N, C-alpha and C. Protein backbone atom coordinates (compact mmCIF):
# COMPACT_ATOMS: atom_id res chain seq x y z
N UNK A 1 72.96 85.50 115.54
CA UNK A 1 74.10 84.32 113.86
C UNK A 1 74.95 85.11 113.25
N UNK A 2 75.17 86.74 113.67
CA UNK A 2 76.52 87.43 113.48
C UNK A 2 77.35 86.91 114.57
N UNK A 3 77.67 86.97 115.93
CA UNK A 3 78.56 86.29 116.70
C UNK A 3 78.96 84.96 116.51
N UNK A 4 77.92 83.99 116.01
CA UNK A 4 78.72 82.74 115.96
C UNK A 4 79.54 82.31 114.83
N UNK A 5 79.52 83.73 113.50
CA UNK A 5 80.19 83.96 113.31
C UNK A 5 81.19 83.86 113.73
N UNK A 6 81.63 85.19 113.58
CA UNK A 6 82.75 86.03 114.22
C UNK A 6 83.68 85.43 115.50
N UNK A 7 82.85 84.46 115.52
CA UNK A 7 83.25 83.60 116.42
C UNK A 7 83.90 81.98 116.38
N UNK A 8 83.18 81.51 114.59
CA UNK A 8 83.57 80.98 114.70
C UNK A 8 85.60 80.43 114.12
N UNK A 9 85.60 79.76 114.29
CA UNK A 9 87.10 79.42 113.64
C UNK A 9 87.90 79.76 113.34
N UNK A 10 86.80 78.95 112.02
CA UNK A 10 87.52 79.24 110.48
C UNK A 10 87.64 80.84 109.95
N UNK A 11 86.16 81.37 110.31
CA UNK A 11 86.50 82.55 109.93
C UNK A 11 87.75 83.44 109.95
N UNK A 12 87.88 82.91 111.81
CA UNK A 12 88.77 83.32 112.19
C UNK A 12 90.24 83.41 111.82
N UNK A 13 91.06 82.51 111.54
CA UNK A 13 91.85 82.33 110.85
C UNK A 13 91.48 82.58 109.17
N UNK A 14 90.38 82.63 109.05
CA UNK A 14 90.77 83.56 107.13
C UNK A 14 90.92 85.15 107.60
N UNK A 15 90.12 85.89 108.79
CA UNK A 15 90.40 86.34 108.81
C UNK A 15 92.33 87.41 108.81
N UNK A 16 92.49 86.50 110.03
CA UNK A 16 93.93 86.43 110.55
C UNK A 16 95.06 86.32 108.89
N UNK A 17 94.56 85.13 108.78
CA UNK A 17 95.38 85.27 107.61
C UNK A 17 95.53 86.56 106.73
N UNK A 18 93.73 87.05 106.32
CA UNK A 18 94.21 88.54 105.55
C UNK A 18 95.14 90.14 105.67
N UNK A 19 94.10 89.40 107.70
CA UNK A 19 94.93 90.83 108.28
C UNK A 19 96.73 90.39 108.14
N UNK A 20 97.55 89.43 108.54
CA UNK A 20 98.86 89.22 107.84
C UNK A 20 99.12 89.59 106.64
N UNK A 21 98.73 88.98 105.12
CA UNK A 21 98.50 89.00 104.38
C UNK A 21 98.79 90.62 103.78
N UNK A 22 98.11 91.33 104.34
CA UNK A 22 97.57 93.32 103.77
C UNK A 22 98.97 94.03 104.55
N UNK A 23 99.09 93.16 106.28
CA UNK A 23 100.43 94.38 106.57
C UNK A 23 101.67 94.35 106.46
N UNK A 24 101.62 92.30 105.56
CA UNK A 24 103.30 92.52 104.61
C UNK A 24 102.93 93.06 103.50
N UNK A 25 102.22 93.45 103.05
CA UNK A 25 102.30 93.95 101.67
C UNK A 25 102.30 95.49 101.80
N UNK A 26 101.81 96.04 102.92
CA UNK A 26 102.05 97.43 103.46
C UNK A 26 103.50 97.49 103.79
N UNK A 27 103.89 96.54 104.47
CA UNK A 27 104.99 96.99 104.90
C UNK A 27 106.74 97.08 103.98
N UNK A 28 105.96 96.31 103.16
CA UNK A 28 106.73 96.98 101.83
C UNK A 28 106.49 97.71 101.52
N UNK A 29 104.99 98.77 100.66
CA UNK A 29 104.73 99.16 100.00
C UNK A 29 104.90 100.69 100.79
N UNK A 30 104.39 101.37 101.33
CA UNK A 30 104.21 102.06 102.09
C UNK A 30 105.02 102.35 103.05
N UNK A 31 105.17 104.07 103.73
CA UNK A 31 106.52 103.85 104.85
C UNK A 31 105.28 104.26 105.92
N UNK A 32 104.09 104.53 105.69
CA UNK A 32 103.18 104.90 107.00
C UNK A 32 101.78 104.49 107.13
N UNK A 33 101.64 103.45 108.05
CA UNK A 33 99.74 103.06 107.77
C UNK A 33 99.48 103.43 109.47
N UNK A 34 98.30 102.71 109.55
CA UNK A 34 97.84 102.82 111.24
C UNK A 34 97.41 101.50 111.50
N UNK A 35 96.68 101.46 112.21
CA UNK A 35 95.91 99.85 112.29
C UNK A 35 94.83 101.20 113.66
N UNK A 36 94.14 100.44 114.25
CA UNK A 36 92.46 99.99 115.57
C UNK A 36 93.24 98.85 116.15
N UNK A 37 92.86 97.88 117.08
CA UNK A 37 93.28 97.22 118.33
C UNK A 37 92.89 97.27 119.05
N UNK A 38 92.11 96.38 119.23
CA UNK A 38 91.44 96.53 120.66
C UNK A 38 92.72 95.70 121.38
N UNK A 39 92.20 96.93 122.40
CA UNK A 39 93.16 96.91 123.33
C UNK A 39 93.00 95.33 124.71
N UNK A 40 92.19 94.88 124.51
CA UNK A 40 91.88 93.99 125.90
C UNK A 40 92.96 92.69 125.83
N UNK A 41 93.76 92.99 123.84
CA UNK A 41 94.29 91.79 123.66
C UNK A 41 95.86 91.80 124.00
N UNK A 42 96.31 93.36 124.23
CA UNK A 42 98.02 93.56 123.27
C UNK A 42 98.32 93.90 125.26
N UNK A 43 99.34 93.32 124.44
CA UNK A 43 100.53 93.46 126.01
C UNK A 43 101.41 94.35 125.33
N UNK A 44 102.15 95.15 126.88
CA UNK A 44 103.37 95.90 126.88
C UNK A 44 104.18 95.19 127.53
N UNK A 45 105.68 95.93 126.91
CA UNK A 45 107.02 94.79 128.06
C UNK A 45 107.74 95.49 127.63
N UNK A 46 107.77 96.85 128.24
CA UNK A 46 107.34 96.41 130.01
C UNK A 46 105.60 97.17 129.80
N UNK A 47 104.83 97.08 131.29
CA UNK A 47 103.73 97.53 131.59
C UNK A 47 103.88 98.59 131.25
N UNK A 48 102.60 99.83 131.22
CA UNK A 48 102.10 101.33 131.23
C UNK A 48 102.45 100.95 132.59
N UNK A 49 101.67 102.66 132.57
CA UNK A 49 101.81 102.75 134.50
C UNK A 49 99.88 102.98 133.95
N UNK A 50 99.10 102.70 135.25
CA UNK A 50 98.26 102.71 134.90
C UNK A 50 96.95 104.04 134.51
N UNK A 51 97.76 105.08 134.35
CA UNK A 51 97.80 106.35 133.76
C UNK A 51 97.59 106.02 132.62
N UNK A 52 98.94 105.74 131.62
CA UNK A 52 98.91 105.41 130.56
C UNK A 52 97.36 105.12 129.81
N UNK A 53 97.64 103.36 129.64
CA UNK A 53 96.70 102.75 130.60
C UNK A 53 95.14 102.75 130.34
N UNK A 54 95.13 103.50 130.74
CA UNK A 54 93.47 104.33 130.91
C UNK A 54 92.90 105.36 130.32
N UNK A 55 93.56 105.74 129.94
CA UNK A 55 93.68 106.60 128.41
C UNK A 55 93.43 106.13 127.80
N UNK A 56 93.47 104.86 127.00
CA UNK A 56 93.30 103.97 125.88
C UNK A 56 91.85 103.76 125.66
N UNK A 57 91.29 103.97 124.07
CA UNK A 57 89.98 103.77 124.45
C UNK A 57 90.20 102.09 124.05
N UNK A 58 88.77 101.32 124.31
CA UNK A 58 88.96 99.50 123.24
C UNK A 58 89.55 99.80 122.78
N UNK A 59 89.12 100.84 121.40
CA UNK A 59 89.36 100.43 120.00
C UNK A 59 90.68 101.24 119.90
N UNK A 60 92.01 101.12 120.15
CA UNK A 60 93.52 102.61 120.18
C UNK A 60 93.81 101.91 119.26
N UNK A 61 94.15 103.29 118.17
CA UNK A 61 94.80 103.60 117.54
C UNK A 61 96.51 103.89 117.00
N UNK A 62 96.75 103.01 116.83
CA UNK A 62 98.86 102.70 116.90
C UNK A 62 99.11 103.39 115.44
N UNK A 63 100.00 104.50 115.24
CA UNK A 63 100.29 105.01 114.01
C UNK A 63 101.52 104.05 113.78
N UNK A 64 101.80 103.93 112.05
CA UNK A 64 103.53 103.36 112.62
C UNK A 64 104.18 103.95 111.12
N UNK A 65 105.12 105.29 111.66
CA UNK A 65 105.69 106.47 110.32
C UNK A 65 107.23 105.95 111.23
N UNK A 66 108.43 106.01 110.47
CA UNK A 66 109.01 106.28 111.53
C UNK A 66 110.22 105.41 112.16
N UNK A 67 110.87 105.75 113.54
CA UNK A 67 111.55 104.37 114.06
C UNK A 67 110.24 102.82 114.41
N UNK A 68 108.45 104.37 114.48
CA UNK A 68 108.05 102.60 115.52
C UNK A 68 107.81 101.90 114.03
N UNK A 69 107.64 101.97 112.95
CA UNK A 69 107.09 101.50 111.57
C UNK A 69 108.71 100.53 111.82
N UNK A 70 109.34 101.40 111.49
CA UNK A 70 110.46 100.49 111.17
C UNK A 70 111.21 98.62 111.99
N UNK A 71 110.06 99.12 113.05
CA UNK A 71 110.87 98.63 114.21
C UNK A 71 109.93 97.01 114.44
N UNK A 72 108.45 97.52 113.57
CA UNK A 72 107.92 96.12 113.25
C UNK A 72 107.89 94.97 112.37
N UNK A 73 107.74 94.20 113.45
CA UNK A 73 107.77 92.37 113.20
C UNK A 73 106.85 91.47 113.19
N UNK A 74 106.35 91.32 112.00
CA UNK A 74 105.39 89.90 111.69
C UNK A 74 105.51 88.94 112.30
N UNK A 75 104.17 87.85 113.00
CA UNK A 75 105.18 86.32 113.22
C UNK A 75 104.02 86.04 112.65
N UNK A 76 103.42 84.44 112.70
CA UNK A 76 102.62 83.86 112.24
C UNK A 76 101.25 84.35 113.01
N UNK A 77 101.74 84.83 114.48
CA UNK A 77 100.62 85.21 115.05
C UNK A 77 100.02 86.42 115.69
N UNK A 78 101.03 87.56 115.33
CA UNK A 78 101.32 88.78 116.22
C UNK A 78 102.20 89.78 115.38
N UNK A 79 101.39 91.31 115.02
CA UNK A 79 102.39 92.49 115.34
C UNK A 79 102.84 92.72 116.17
N UNK A 80 104.25 93.16 115.70
CA UNK A 80 105.02 93.63 117.31
C UNK A 80 105.25 94.74 116.79
N UNK A 81 105.91 95.83 117.90
CA UNK A 81 106.57 96.55 117.21
C UNK A 81 106.80 97.74 118.77
N UNK A 82 107.84 98.55 118.58
CA UNK A 82 108.31 100.01 120.19
C UNK A 82 107.49 100.52 119.89
N UNK A 83 106.82 101.53 120.71
CA UNK A 83 106.53 102.97 120.52
C UNK A 83 106.94 103.65 122.05
N UNK A 84 106.51 104.95 121.75
CA UNK A 84 106.33 105.77 122.99
C UNK A 84 105.33 106.14 123.69
N UNK A 85 105.09 106.06 124.80
CA UNK A 85 104.11 106.08 125.00
C UNK A 85 104.47 108.35 126.58
N UNK A 86 102.80 108.60 126.44
CA UNK A 86 102.86 109.86 127.63
C UNK A 86 103.28 110.74 127.33
N UNK A 87 103.81 111.40 128.08
CA UNK A 87 104.55 112.52 127.95
C UNK A 87 105.92 113.01 127.80
N UNK A 88 106.20 111.27 128.45
CA UNK A 88 107.61 111.10 128.76
C UNK A 88 107.92 110.14 127.72
N UNK A 89 107.31 110.02 126.68
CA UNK A 89 107.26 109.30 125.55
C UNK A 89 108.69 107.56 126.19
N UNK A 90 107.70 106.93 127.50
CA UNK A 90 107.87 105.65 128.32
C UNK A 90 107.21 104.52 127.03
N UNK A 91 109.48 103.95 126.52
CA UNK A 91 108.98 102.89 125.64
C UNK A 91 108.92 101.65 125.73
N UNK A 92 108.02 101.15 124.95
CA UNK A 92 107.47 99.99 125.06
C UNK A 92 107.45 98.76 123.97
N UNK A 93 107.06 97.69 124.00
CA UNK A 93 107.30 96.62 123.08
C UNK A 93 105.77 96.62 123.29
N UNK A 94 104.98 96.70 122.13
CA UNK A 94 103.42 96.79 122.02
C UNK A 94 103.52 95.39 120.86
N UNK A 95 102.92 94.01 121.71
CA UNK A 95 102.03 92.57 120.34
C UNK A 95 100.94 93.06 120.33
N UNK A 96 99.91 92.76 119.53
CA UNK A 96 99.48 92.65 119.20
C UNK A 96 98.25 91.14 118.00
N UNK A 97 97.58 90.48 118.91
CA UNK A 97 97.35 89.42 118.12
C UNK A 97 96.77 89.72 116.47
N UNK A 98 97.06 89.23 115.47
CA UNK A 98 96.58 89.28 114.38
C UNK A 98 94.76 89.58 114.88
N UNK A 99 94.23 89.07 115.24
CA UNK A 99 93.21 88.68 115.33
C UNK A 99 92.51 89.63 115.74
N UNK A 100 93.02 90.76 116.38
CA UNK A 100 92.26 91.52 117.58
C UNK A 100 92.44 93.10 116.74
N UNK A 101 93.34 93.54 115.92
CA UNK A 101 93.26 94.48 114.95
C UNK A 101 91.82 94.72 114.11
N UNK A 102 91.34 95.42 114.42
CA UNK A 102 90.46 95.66 114.28
C UNK A 102 90.31 96.39 112.70
N UNK A 103 90.96 97.46 112.37
CA UNK A 103 90.99 98.23 111.27
C UNK A 103 92.77 98.71 110.82
N UNK A 104 92.86 98.77 109.20
CA UNK A 104 93.93 98.45 109.37
C UNK A 104 93.69 100.27 108.15
N UNK A 105 94.38 101.64 108.79
CA UNK A 105 94.10 102.62 108.06
C UNK A 105 95.22 103.23 107.14
N UNK A 106 94.63 103.89 106.16
CA UNK A 106 96.29 104.35 105.28
C UNK A 106 95.79 105.79 104.64
N UNK A 107 96.30 107.12 105.19
CA UNK A 107 95.57 108.12 104.67
C UNK A 107 94.25 108.57 105.12
N UNK A 108 94.43 108.45 106.23
CA UNK A 108 92.56 108.87 107.32
C UNK A 108 91.63 107.50 105.85
N UNK A 109 91.70 106.69 105.32
CA UNK A 109 90.83 105.73 104.48
C UNK A 109 91.13 103.77 105.03
N UNK A 110 90.04 103.71 105.87
CA UNK A 110 90.16 102.28 106.27
C UNK A 110 90.63 101.74 105.22
N UNK A 111 91.16 100.75 104.89
CA UNK A 111 91.56 99.64 104.31
C UNK A 111 91.05 98.15 104.46
N UNK A 112 91.02 97.99 105.60
CA UNK A 112 90.74 97.16 106.15
C UNK A 112 89.18 97.18 107.47
N UNK A 113 88.72 96.00 107.86
CA UNK A 113 87.76 96.04 108.68
C UNK A 113 87.79 94.13 108.87
N UNK A 114 88.14 94.64 110.26
CA UNK A 114 88.30 92.81 111.21
C UNK A 114 86.96 93.14 112.28
N UNK A 115 85.18 92.42 111.58
CA UNK A 115 84.66 92.23 113.08
C UNK A 115 84.83 91.72 114.13
N UNK A 116 85.71 91.02 113.57
CA UNK A 116 86.04 89.55 114.69
C UNK A 116 86.87 90.78 116.09
N UNK A 117 87.38 91.43 115.89
CA UNK A 117 88.52 92.02 116.60
C UNK A 117 87.39 92.36 118.03
N UNK A 118 86.31 92.73 117.93
CA UNK A 118 84.86 93.12 118.86
C UNK A 118 84.65 92.23 119.73
N UNK A 119 85.29 91.31 119.19
CA UNK A 119 84.92 89.85 120.16
C UNK A 119 86.05 89.47 120.94
N UNK A 120 87.39 89.80 120.63
CA UNK A 120 88.03 89.32 121.22
C UNK A 120 88.46 89.94 122.98
N UNK A 121 88.55 89.12 124.16
CA UNK A 121 89.26 89.51 125.54
C UNK A 121 89.96 89.01 125.74
N UNK A 122 90.55 89.29 127.00
CA UNK A 122 91.73 88.44 127.61
C UNK A 122 91.35 87.45 128.10
N UNK A 123 92.20 86.44 127.91
CA UNK A 123 91.94 84.96 129.24
C UNK A 123 91.58 85.13 130.32
N UNK A 124 92.90 85.85 131.25
CA UNK A 124 91.95 86.94 132.44
C UNK A 124 91.04 87.18 132.21
N UNK A 125 90.82 87.87 131.48
CA UNK A 125 88.95 88.44 132.09
C UNK A 125 88.27 87.33 131.90
N UNK A 126 88.43 86.76 131.09
CA UNK A 126 87.71 85.49 130.60
C UNK A 126 86.93 85.19 132.29
N UNK A 127 88.14 84.80 132.87
CA UNK A 127 87.64 84.00 134.37
C UNK A 127 87.14 85.12 135.39
N UNK A 128 87.96 86.26 134.89
CA UNK A 128 87.71 87.12 136.32
C UNK A 128 85.82 86.99 135.76
N UNK A 129 85.24 87.16 134.79
CA UNK A 129 83.42 87.12 134.44
C UNK A 129 83.51 86.20 134.62
N UNK A 130 83.71 85.00 135.03
CA UNK A 130 83.35 83.47 135.25
C UNK A 130 83.32 83.78 137.03
N UNK A 131 84.51 84.69 137.58
CA UNK A 131 84.26 83.86 139.15
C UNK A 131 83.51 85.40 139.51
N UNK A 132 83.34 86.43 138.81
CA UNK A 132 82.47 87.49 139.13
C UNK A 132 81.01 86.57 139.38
N UNK A 133 80.89 85.95 137.90
CA UNK A 133 79.25 85.07 137.74
C UNK A 133 79.59 84.40 139.14
N UNK A 134 80.25 83.38 138.78
CA UNK A 134 79.78 82.42 140.48
C UNK A 134 79.80 83.33 142.00
N UNK A 135 80.60 85.09 142.07
CA UNK A 135 80.58 85.21 143.55
C UNK A 135 78.86 85.82 143.02
N UNK A 136 78.22 86.49 142.09
CA UNK A 136 77.15 86.99 142.84
C UNK A 136 76.06 85.54 142.63
N UNK A 137 76.19 84.82 141.94
CA UNK A 137 75.46 83.26 141.97
C UNK A 137 75.37 82.79 143.44
N UNK A 138 76.58 82.63 144.30
CA UNK A 138 76.58 82.67 145.28
C UNK A 138 76.24 83.29 146.18
N UNK A 139 76.19 84.69 146.04
CA UNK A 139 75.59 85.55 147.01
C UNK A 139 74.04 85.01 147.69
N UNK A 140 73.56 84.80 146.84
CA UNK A 140 72.38 84.47 146.97
C UNK A 140 72.01 83.41 147.68
N UNK A 141 71.49 83.09 148.98
CA UNK A 141 72.07 81.59 149.85
C UNK A 141 70.62 80.36 149.47
N UNK A 142 70.58 80.95 148.54
CA UNK A 142 69.14 79.56 148.01
C UNK A 142 70.10 78.77 146.93
N UNK A 143 71.36 79.73 146.43
CA UNK A 143 71.93 78.95 145.69
C UNK A 143 73.53 78.47 145.95
N UNK A 144 74.01 78.67 146.92
CA UNK A 144 74.63 78.04 147.69
C UNK A 144 74.63 76.53 147.72
N UNK A 145 73.73 76.09 148.48
CA UNK A 145 73.31 74.74 148.91
C UNK A 145 73.97 74.02 147.70
N UNK A 146 73.28 74.98 145.62
CA UNK A 146 73.45 74.06 144.45
C UNK A 146 74.89 73.40 144.50
N UNK A 147 75.99 74.31 144.87
CA UNK A 147 77.81 73.81 145.07
C UNK A 147 77.85 72.73 145.93
N UNK A 148 76.94 72.67 146.70
CA UNK A 148 77.79 71.50 147.53
C UNK A 148 77.18 70.23 147.10
């Protein structure tokens, strides 16, 4: 039942609007806050090296202060900002769809939770999962003839 609610498009629209409203308010109200977001939906430009990306957990914390805070751009669909990563502080523009934001945090206290973020995966991963399922299905010789 919960999956049905979390994947419902109307519910997700409400979540997106709430997240967007919260972030717009915070950008004008405070000078530092954090979010956790589902790494599977996040884009980095330029892309980060694998050793950095591999260090991220599924729900990664991003803290906004100083330059990172000042670089925040809020659009209709996502938040983007510039941040440095790794020992060499490699710069990248980070783009996160609102639906992928799991928590909004101020002073180590959770201000907002979006449970729909737990359901977010990249479109490429959906395709990969379908491909893997199909490959597993066709490994069985009895199943191969079902596709012909």
